[in-house]
Structure formats: C-alpha cells, structure tokens
Amino acid sequence: MQSELRSHLVLVALKSEAFKGMVELERNSLSERSRKLFTLSALCSATSDFLGMREFKTPDEAANEAIKFWDELAKHIPEWQLVRRSKMTAGEIRRDFVHSHGVLLQAFGRVGASLQSEKKSNYGSLSNLKKINWARSNARDWEGRVMIGGRLTKATNSVVLASAFIKKQLSIQLSPDEIRAEAAFAKTGKRK
C-alpha cells in the first residue's frame, strides 16, 4: 500500500485548495521567478510526516485526511492566500517568509500528526499560527533554528526545532526528540 499511497500524495497537491496550482510537479527545486510556492517532493515529505505510521483503510482515505489538514492549516497563513489571489508573488513570499519552505512544510506535517495523536483533529489550535512572526527577518525566532547566517537550512534537526517552536505556540506537547533538540538549542545561547 506504501507505493500506492505515494501516487495518492500527488492527489493532495492537485485536490487540496491549499496547494492547487501552488506545487511544482516536475522539478525538485524552485527558481526565484517560479510561480509555485512548494515542490512536490517537499509536500510528499511533509504529508508523509503528517500521516506517520497511522493505519488507513485505503490510500484515498489517507489522502483525504491530508487534504483536510492542509486546507485547514492554509487558512491560517495569510501569505499563502495572497499568492493564490495574485496579491503577492510566490517568489516574494519565499524570499520574505520561512513558512513557504520545505523545512517548515515538514514541520507543519509533524505538528498535524501530533494534533491527530492528541485527538484534536478539529484543528482549532491552528488559529494561533497567525500569531507567529514568519518573516525571515525575525532572526530571534528563526536564526539557529531553521536559518544559519540568514539562509534556510534543510537539516533534519531544523525540522525538529521548527516543529517544537510551532507546537509551543499552539500549546501542543513536544515529542521526546523535540524536547532534546530544544534543550540543546537553548544551551547554544541562541534562545532563552
């Protein structure tokens, strides 16, 4: 069912209101002028993290659960809506905000999985995403966590640190690996 599920992840990009027309389906990277916000590979990784090891009766059921989550999450990230309405370009959003990069997309997947495991699948706490300063210029929150020297990093630890940061803002319990990553991050003096 795993290979069948992979093909259904493409359906998430095509059917989800959050991602329809916003995912690069052919290339694994985005040019500065690309009109897309995400790559399919980033969305697949993030959706895999969201689905985790949960059992679904069919790949369609898994894809539908992912679409439900992503569509709800997108409602709370205004800049994604601005791109959809052609009020800002995808390039401007990627240049100025961290939430439109694969590392944060994957962190969102982890957050969604935690919401599912906590039986909070109504996703009400996602409304607090609007309170987060997603600007790349917000070095206080993002430098050392998902950026190094102002550049985004794709390191696995960055995904863990980003998901921990988001979970704290949403009052979601951190996983053991997030607790360890946060403790190590605090010791570096980057964050109190």
Protein backbone atom coordinates (compact mmCIF):
# COMPACT_ATOMS: atom_id res chain seq x y z
CA MET A 1 0.00 0.00 0.00
CA GLN A 2 3.01 2.32 0.53
CA SER A 3 3.75 2.72 -3.21
CA GLU A 4 0.04 3.18 -3.89
CA LEU A 5 -0.01 5.84 -1.18
CA ARG A 6 2.83 7.74 -2.87
CA SER A 7 0.81 8.14 -6.03
CA HIS A 8 -2.08 9.41 -3.94
CA LEU A 9 0.16 12.10 -2.47
CA VAL A 10 0.13 13.74 -5.90
CA LEU A 11 -3.65 13.94 -5.48
CA VAL A 12 -3.08 16.00 -2.34
CA ALA A 13 -1.28 18.60 -4.47
CA LEU A 14 -3.98 18.53 -7.13
CA LYS A 15 -7.13 18.35 -4.99
CA SER A 16 -6.20 20.40 -1.94
CA GLU A 17 -7.37 24.01 -2.00
CA ALA A 18 -4.20 24.84 -0.08
CA PHE A 19 -1.91 23.56 -2.82
CA LYS A 20 -3.90 23.61 -6.06
CA GLY A 21 -1.72 25.44 -8.59
CA MET A 22 0.95 26.15 -5.99
CA VAL A 23 3.07 23.00 -6.26
CA GLU A 24 5.85 22.42 -8.77
CA LEU A 25 5.11 18.91 -10.01
CA GLU A 26 8.10 18.39 -12.32
CA ARG A 27 11.21 19.94 -10.75
CA ASN A 28 12.76 19.31 -7.34
CA SER A 29 13.67 22.95 -6.83
CA LEU A 30 12.08 26.32 -7.42
CA SER A 31 13.65 29.16 -9.34
CA GLU A 32 13.41 32.66 -7.94
CA ARG A 33 10.77 33.52 -10.55
CA SER A 34 8.72 30.36 -10.11
CA ARG A 35 5.03 30.97 -9.61
CA LYS A 36 4.86 27.93 -7.33
CA LEU A 37 5.33 28.00 -3.56
CA PHE A 38 6.33 24.37 -2.98
CA THR A 39 7.86 21.38 -4.68
CA LEU A 40 6.05 18.08 -4.87
CA SER A 41 8.93 16.40 -3.04
CA ALA A 42 8.57 18.85 -0.11
CA LEU A 43 4.82 18.28 0.00
CA CYS A 44 5.27 14.49 -0.11
CA SER A 45 7.79 14.57 2.76
CA ALA A 46 5.53 16.82 4.81
CA THR A 47 2.44 14.73 4.11
CA SER A 48 4.32 11.54 4.98
CA ASP A 49 5.25 13.12 8.31
CA PHE A 50 1.62 14.11 8.84
CA LEU A 51 0.32 10.62 8.06
CA GLY A 52 3.10 8.99 10.07
CA MET A 53 2.61 5.36 10.90
CA ARG A 54 -1.17 5.61 11.22
CA GLU A 55 -3.20 2.93 9.52
CA PHE A 56 -5.72 3.85 6.86
CA LYS A 57 -8.14 1.53 5.12
CA THR A 58 -7.26 2.92 1.71
CA PRO A 59 -4.77 5.37 0.18
CA ASP A 60 -7.75 7.58 -0.69
CA GLU A 61 -8.65 7.79 2.99
CA ALA A 62 -5.07 8.84 3.81
CA ALA A 63 -5.03 11.43 1.03
CA ASN A 64 -8.39 12.85 2.13
CA GLU A 65 -7.19 13.16 5.73
CA ALA A 66 -4.10 15.01 4.50
CA ILE A 67 -6.18 17.33 2.30
CA LYS A 68 -8.41 18.16 5.27
CA PHE A 69 -5.39 19.06 7.41
CA TRP A 70 -3.53 21.10 4.77
CA ASP A 71 -6.64 23.03 3.78
CA GLU A 72 -7.30 23.97 7.40
CA LEU A 73 -3.67 24.93 8.01
CA ALA A 74 -3.59 27.13 4.90
CA LYS A 75 -6.49 29.20 6.24
CA HIS A 76 -4.16 30.43 8.98
CA ILE A 77 -1.25 31.51 6.78
CA PRO A 78 -2.41 34.70 5.09
CA GLU A 79 0.56 34.99 2.74
CA TRP A 80 -0.35 31.71 1.04
CA GLN A 81 -3.75 33.23 0.32
CA LEU A 82 -2.12 36.37 -1.10
CA VAL A 83 -0.25 34.24 -3.64
CA ARG A 84 -3.46 32.44 -4.59
CA ARG A 85 -5.20 35.79 -5.16
CA SER A 86 -2.16 37.19 -7.07
CA LYS A 87 -1.62 39.92 -4.47
CA MET A 88 1.98 38.78 -3.92
CA THR A 89 4.24 36.58 -5.98
CA ALA A 90 5.42 33.19 -4.82
CA GLY A 91 8.99 34.47 -5.12
CA GLU A 92 8.28 37.36 -2.74
CA ILE A 93 6.74 35.01 -0.20
CA ARG A 94 9.64 32.55 -0.37
CA ARG A 95 12.14 35.43 -0.14
CA ASP A 96 10.49 37.08 2.87
CA PHE A 97 8.92 34.26 4.91
CA VAL A 98 10.08 30.93 6.31
CA HIS A 99 6.68 29.20 6.18
CA SER A 100 6.90 28.63 2.43
CA HIS A 101 9.97 26.41 2.50
CA GLY A 102 10.22 22.64 2.71
CA VAL A 103 11.71 22.61 6.21
CA LEU A 104 8.65 24.43 7.62
CA LEU A 105 6.22 22.43 5.50
CA GLN A 106 7.67 19.27 7.00
CA ALA A 107 7.44 20.79 10.48
CA PHE A 108 3.76 21.54 9.80
CA GLY A 109 3.32 17.86 8.92
CA ARG A 110 4.78 16.87 12.28
CA VAL A 111 2.51 19.34 14.06
CA GLY A 112 -0.52 17.92 12.28
CA ALA A 113 0.47 14.38 13.26
CA SER A 114 0.66 15.49 16.90
CA LEU A 115 -2.76 17.09 16.68
CA GLN A 116 -4.10 13.80 15.34
CA SER A 117 -2.48 11.77 18.10
CA GLU A 118 -3.85 14.15 20.75
CA LYS A 119 -7.34 13.68 19.31
CA LYS A 120 -7.52 17.39 18.48
CA SER A 121 -8.35 16.71 14.86
CA ASN A 122 -10.72 19.65 14.75
CA TYR A 123 -7.52 21.69 14.31
CA GLY A 124 -8.84 24.60 16.37
CA SER A 125 -5.41 25.41 17.79
CA LEU A 126 -4.11 26.14 14.28
CA SER A 127 -5.69 29.60 14.57
CA ASN A 128 -2.69 30.53 16.74
CA LEU A 129 -0.43 30.20 13.68
CA LYS A 130 -1.47 33.76 12.79
CA LYS A 131 0.33 34.99 15.92
CA ILE A 132 3.72 33.70 14.75
CA ASN A 133 6.09 36.11 13.04
CA TRP A 134 7.08 34.06 9.99
CA ALA A 135 9.34 36.75 8.50
CA ARG A 136 12.84 35.64 7.62
CA SER A 137 13.99 38.91 9.16
CA ASN A 138 12.74 37.58 12.53
CA ALA A 139 16.16 36.25 13.47
CA ARG A 140 15.16 35.98 17.15
CA ASP A 141 12.88 33.04 16.40
CA TRP A 142 14.40 31.54 13.26
CA GLU A 143 18.19 32.03 13.34
CA GLY A 144 19.89 28.87 14.56
CA ARG A 145 16.57 27.06 14.38
CA VAL A 146 15.85 26.96 10.62
CA MET A 147 18.35 29.54 9.38
CA ILE A 148 22.10 29.79 9.61
CA GLY A 149 23.56 33.15 8.71
CA GLY A 150 20.20 34.23 7.31
CA ARG A 151 19.96 31.26 4.93
CA LEU A 152 17.44 28.47 5.38
CA THR A 153 18.81 25.05 6.22
CA LYS A 154 17.21 21.72 5.35
CA ALA A 155 18.85 19.81 8.19
CA THR A 156 16.68 17.23 9.94
CA ASN A 157 17.34 18.98 13.24
CA SER A 158 15.88 22.17 11.74
CA VAL A 159 12.60 20.36 11.06
CA VAL A 160 12.56 19.13 14.66
CA LEU A 161 13.35 22.59 16.06
CA ALA A 162 10.73 24.24 13.83
CA SER A 163 8.04 21.76 14.84
CA ALA A 164 8.95 22.26 18.51
CA PHE A 165 8.68 26.03 18.13
CA ILE A 166 5.30 25.80 16.40
CA LYS A 167 3.98 23.28 18.91
CA LYS A 168 4.92 25.56 21.80
CA GLN A 169 3.00 28.41 20.16
CA LEU A 170 -0.03 26.12 19.76
CA SER A 171 0.28 24.61 23.28
CA ILE A 172 0.90 21.11 21.94
CA GLN A 173 3.04 18.67 23.89
CA LEU A 174 6.54 18.22 22.46
CA SER A 175 7.84 14.80 21.46
CA PRO A 176 10.97 13.44 23.21
CA ASP A 177 13.19 14.30 20.21
CA GLU A 178 11.79 17.85 20.17
CA ILE A 179 12.45 18.23 23.90
CA ARG A 180 16.06 17.09 23.39
CA ALA A 181 16.54 19.40 20.38
CA GLU A 182 15.10 22.37 22.27
CA ALA A 183 17.37 21.70 25.27
CA ALA A 184 20.44 21.52 23.00
CA PHE A 185 19.30 24.68 21.19
CA ALA A 186 18.87 26.54 24.49
CA LYS A 187 22.40 25.53 25.57
CA THR A 188 23.89 27.20 22.49
CA GLY A 189 22.71 30.54 23.86
CA LYS A 190 20.53 31.17 20.81
CA ARG A 191 17.32 31.07 22.79
CA LYS A 192 16.40 31.56 26.44
